[in-house]
Amino acid sequence: KEIKRQKDLEKKADAAKKKRLQEEKRLKEIKRKKEQEIKKRKKEEARIKKLEKEKKELEKKKKLEAEKQKKAEEEAKRKEAERKRKEAEEKKRLEREKALQQELEAEQQEQDQAAMTRYVGLIERAISNNFNQLGLPENLSCVILIRMLEGGKVVEASIIKSSGNDLFDRRAETAVYSASPLPVPDEIRLFEQMRNIRFTFEP
């Protein structure tokens, strides 16, 4: 009986030991899983924190890019407005210059016309002074074309509309050559406008 009781005690002790070892193993497993969960949670928290940081940086970058884009657009608008303003100013300036130029040209043309009319009158008088009216009917006239060199030298005188009297026409041509050099302006620009003149000769 003692031996049997001893064996039962040993058996119970072994069972208790085995149970304790299993419990320790279970507790260790629970601890290990808990540590893994903590590690996993910390890793997840670090990942979320990193994502949030990246998100903030991305938002900041987008904001900076948006501001940069806005500034670029505003600058482009400002430059376009400045370009249009300068274009408008340049257009006005050119219009003023054109109007002034036209005014000056009109004034110059008027002065030139007055000067040429005066010189044509002098030419007509010079030709009339050299015209032989003797023996010709009165109130005759013809249209003469005169080509001159600088200084008024006549190189050609031709009747482009006859008076109907050949003698009158010939004497008119002769009078032109006799009056050469004709009175012409010294200014080349003005002379060029009357190098070739046509007028009605009525002595």
Protein backbone atom coordinates (compact mmCIF):
# COMPACT_ATOMS: atom_id res chain seq x y z
CA LYS A 1 0.00 0.00 0.00
CA GLU A 2 2.79 2.39 0.84
CA ILE A 3 4.52 1.66 -2.42
CA LYS A 4 1.26 2.14 -4.32
CA ARG A 5 0.53 5.38 -2.46
CA GLN A 6 4.05 6.57 -3.24
CA LYS A 7 3.62 5.78 -6.91
CA ASP A 8 0.29 7.60 -7.00
CA LEU A 9 1.94 10.62 -5.43
CA GLU A 10 4.77 10.50 -7.95
CA LYS A 11 2.25 10.14 -10.75
CA LYS A 12 0.28 13.09 -9.47
CA ALA A 13 3.50 15.07 -9.08
CA ASP A 14 4.49 14.23 -12.66
CA ALA A 15 1.04 15.19 -13.90
CA ALA A 16 1.18 18.44 -11.95
CA LYS A 17 4.66 19.14 -13.31
CA LYS A 18 3.54 18.34 -16.82
CA LYS A 19 0.51 20.58 -16.37
CA ARG A 20 2.69 23.38 -14.98
CA LEU A 21 5.12 23.07 -17.90
CA GLN A 22 2.20 23.21 -20.36
CA GLU A 23 0.83 26.26 -18.56
CA GLU A 24 4.24 27.94 -18.68
CA LYS A 25 4.49 27.09 -22.37
CA ARG A 26 1.01 28.51 -22.96
CA LEU A 27 1.90 31.66 -21.07
CA LYS A 28 5.14 32.02 -23.03
CA GLU A 29 3.18 31.61 -26.28
CA ILE A 30 0.70 34.24 -25.15
CA LYS A 31 3.57 36.54 -24.22
CA ARG A 32 5.27 35.92 -27.57
CA LYS A 33 2.06 36.64 -29.48
CA LYS A 34 1.46 39.74 -27.38
CA GLU A 35 5.00 40.97 -28.12
CA GLN A 36 4.45 40.25 -31.83
CA GLU A 37 1.18 42.16 -31.74
CA ILE A 38 2.86 45.09 -30.00
CA LYS A 39 5.67 44.99 -32.56
CA LYS A 40 3.17 44.74 -35.41
CA ARG A 41 1.09 47.59 -33.96
CA LYS A 42 4.18 49.78 -33.55
CA LYS A 43 5.21 48.94 -37.13
CA GLU A 44 1.72 49.82 -38.37
CA GLU A 45 1.76 53.05 -36.36
CA ALA A 46 5.17 53.92 -37.86
CA ARG A 47 3.82 53.16 -41.36
CA ILE A 48 0.71 55.31 -40.78
CA LYS A 49 2.88 58.11 -39.36
CA LYS A 50 5.15 57.88 -42.42
CA LEU A 51 2.13 57.97 -44.75
CA GLU A 52 0.72 60.98 -42.92
CA LYS A 53 4.10 62.71 -43.19
CA GLU A 54 4.30 61.91 -46.91
CA LYS A 55 0.71 63.12 -47.33
CA LYS A 56 1.52 66.40 -45.59
CA GLU A 57 4.66 66.84 -47.69
CA LEU A 58 2.67 66.08 -50.85
CA GLU A 59 -0.02 68.59 -49.84
CA LYS A 60 2.66 71.16 -49.08
CA LYS A 61 4.30 70.47 -52.44
CA LYS A 62 0.95 70.75 -54.22
CA LYS A 63 0.22 74.00 -52.40
CA LEU A 64 3.62 75.41 -53.38
CA GLU A 65 3.10 74.30 -56.98
CA ALA A 66 -0.38 75.84 -56.99
CA GLU A 67 1.01 79.12 -55.62
CA LYS A 68 3.83 78.98 -58.16
CA GLN A 69 1.33 78.33 -60.96
CA LYS A 70 -0.87 81.17 -59.72
CA LYS A 71 2.11 83.53 -59.60
CA ALA A 72 3.17 82.41 -63.08
CA GLU A 73 -0.36 83.02 -64.40
CA GLU A 74 -0.53 86.43 -62.71
CA GLU A 75 2.90 87.31 -64.13
CA ALA A 76 1.79 86.14 -67.58
CA LYS A 77 -1.37 88.27 -67.29
CA ARG A 78 0.68 91.25 -66.12
CA LYS A 79 3.11 90.83 -69.02
CA GLU A 80 0.24 90.45 -71.49
CA ALA A 81 -1.43 93.58 -70.10
CA GLU A 82 1.91 95.42 -70.30
CA ARG A 83 2.43 94.19 -73.89
CA LYS A 84 -1.06 95.35 -74.88
CA ARG A 85 -0.50 98.70 -73.17
CA LYS A 86 2.79 99.17 -75.01
CA GLU A 87 1.17 98.06 -78.26
CA ALA A 88 -1.62 100.60 -77.78
CA GLU A 89 0.92 103.33 -76.95
CA GLU A 90 3.04 102.39 -79.97
CA LYS A 91 -0.06 102.38 -82.19
CA LYS A 92 -1.05 105.83 -80.93
CA ARG A 93 2.51 107.08 -81.40
CA LEU A 94 2.63 105.73 -84.96
CA GLU A 95 -0.79 107.23 -85.70
CA ARG A 96 0.38 110.61 -84.35
CA GLU A 97 3.59 110.36 -86.39
CA LYS A 98 1.64 109.34 -89.49
CA ALA A 99 -0.82 112.21 -89.03
CA LEU A 100 2.06 114.63 -88.49
CA GLN A 101 3.90 113.22 -91.51
CA GLN A 102 0.79 113.55 -93.65
CA GLU A 103 0.31 117.09 -92.41
CA LEU A 104 3.95 117.94 -93.18
CA GLU A 105 3.72 116.25 -96.59
CA ALA A 106 0.50 118.12 -97.38
CA GLU A 107 2.11 121.38 -96.29
CA GLN A 108 5.25 120.58 -98.28
CA GLN A 109 3.17 119.62 -101.30
CA GLU A 110 1.25 122.86 -101.03
CA GLN A 111 4.52 124.82 -100.80
CA ASP A 112 5.99 122.81 -103.71
CA GLN A 113 2.88 123.42 -105.80
CA ALA A 114 3.01 127.14 -105.09
CA ALA A 115 6.74 127.23 -105.96
CA MET A 116 6.24 125.24 -109.17
CA THR A 117 3.33 127.46 -110.20
CA ARG A 118 5.59 130.48 -109.68
CA TYR A 119 8.41 128.90 -111.73
CA VAL A 120 6.01 127.84 -114.50
CA GLY A 121 4.87 131.49 -114.62
CA LEU A 122 8.52 132.59 -114.92
CA ILE A 123 9.11 129.99 -117.66
CA GLU A 124 6.01 131.15 -119.59
CA ARG A 125 7.20 134.76 -119.32
CA ALA A 126 10.72 133.83 -120.50
CA ILE A 127 9.30 131.93 -123.49
CA SER A 128 6.85 134.78 -124.28
CA ASN A 129 9.75 137.27 -124.24
CA ASN A 130 11.47 135.16 -126.92
CA PHE A 131 8.35 134.53 -129.00
CA ASN A 132 7.95 136.28 -132.36
CA GLN A 133 4.29 137.34 -132.60
CA LEU A 134 4.81 139.25 -135.86
CA GLY A 135 2.35 138.34 -138.63
CA LEU A 136 0.43 135.79 -136.55
CA PRO A 137 -3.28 135.83 -135.77
CA GLU A 138 -4.29 136.71 -132.23
CA ASN A 139 -5.73 134.39 -129.55
CA LEU A 140 -3.82 131.30 -130.65
CA SER A 141 -2.55 128.76 -128.09
CA CYS A 142 -0.87 125.38 -127.99
CA VAL A 143 0.17 122.83 -125.35
CA ILE A 144 3.95 122.37 -125.08
CA LEU A 145 5.89 119.56 -123.40
CA ILE A 146 9.35 120.63 -122.22
CA ARG A 147 12.09 118.31 -120.93
CA MET A 148 15.00 119.93 -119.08
CA LEU A 149 18.32 119.15 -117.43
CA GLU A 150 19.38 120.53 -114.06
CA GLY A 151 19.90 124.25 -114.36
CA GLY A 152 16.97 124.60 -116.77
CA LYS A 153 18.71 123.64 -120.03
CA VAL A 154 16.05 122.55 -122.54
CA VAL A 155 16.74 119.17 -124.17
CA GLU A 156 13.36 118.80 -125.86
CA ALA A 157 10.37 120.99 -126.68
CA SER A 158 7.44 119.45 -128.52
CA ILE A 159 3.90 120.50 -129.32
CA ILE A 160 1.48 117.90 -127.92
CA LYS A 161 -1.61 119.92 -128.85
CA SER A 162 -1.37 122.13 -131.90
CA SER A 163 -2.77 125.62 -132.17
CA GLY A 164 -3.88 124.78 -135.70
CA ASN A 165 -1.27 127.18 -137.09
CA ASP A 166 2.02 125.53 -138.03
CA LEU A 167 3.98 128.80 -137.97
CA PHE A 168 2.70 129.57 -134.45
CA ASP A 169 3.67 126.08 -133.28
CA ARG A 170 7.19 126.29 -134.82
CA ARG A 171 7.80 129.75 -133.34
CA ALA A 172 6.59 128.50 -129.91
CA GLU A 173 9.17 125.65 -130.05
CA THR A 174 11.87 128.09 -131.19
CA ALA A 175 10.98 130.46 -128.34
CA VAL A 176 11.44 127.61 -125.83
CA TYR A 177 14.95 126.78 -127.11
CA SER A 178 15.83 130.52 -127.30
CA ALA A 179 14.79 131.03 -123.66
CA SER A 180 16.99 128.11 -122.49
CA PRO A 181 18.21 127.81 -119.78
CA LEU A 182 14.77 128.35 -118.30
CA PRO A 183 14.28 129.61 -114.74
CA VAL A 184 14.04 126.52 -112.48
CA PRO A 185 14.46 125.96 -108.71
CA ASP A 186 17.96 125.23 -107.40
CA GLU A 187 16.59 122.59 -105.02
CA ILE A 188 17.01 119.22 -106.76
CA ARG A 189 13.98 117.68 -105.02
CA LEU A 190 11.74 120.43 -106.36
CA PHE A 191 13.37 120.47 -109.78
CA GLU A 192 12.77 116.71 -110.16
CA GLN A 193 9.04 117.40 -109.90
CA MET A 194 9.16 119.77 -112.86
CA ARG A 195 11.97 118.28 -114.97
CA ASN A 196 9.25 117.51 -117.50
CA ILE A 197 6.53 120.15 -117.65
CA ARG A 198 3.50 120.58 -119.82
CA PHE A 199 1.58 123.82 -120.04
CA THR A 200 -0.66 125.82 -122.36
CA PHE A 201 1.28 128.51 -124.17
CA GLU A 202 -0.82 131.67 -124.77
CA PRO A 203 1.46 134.64 -125.65
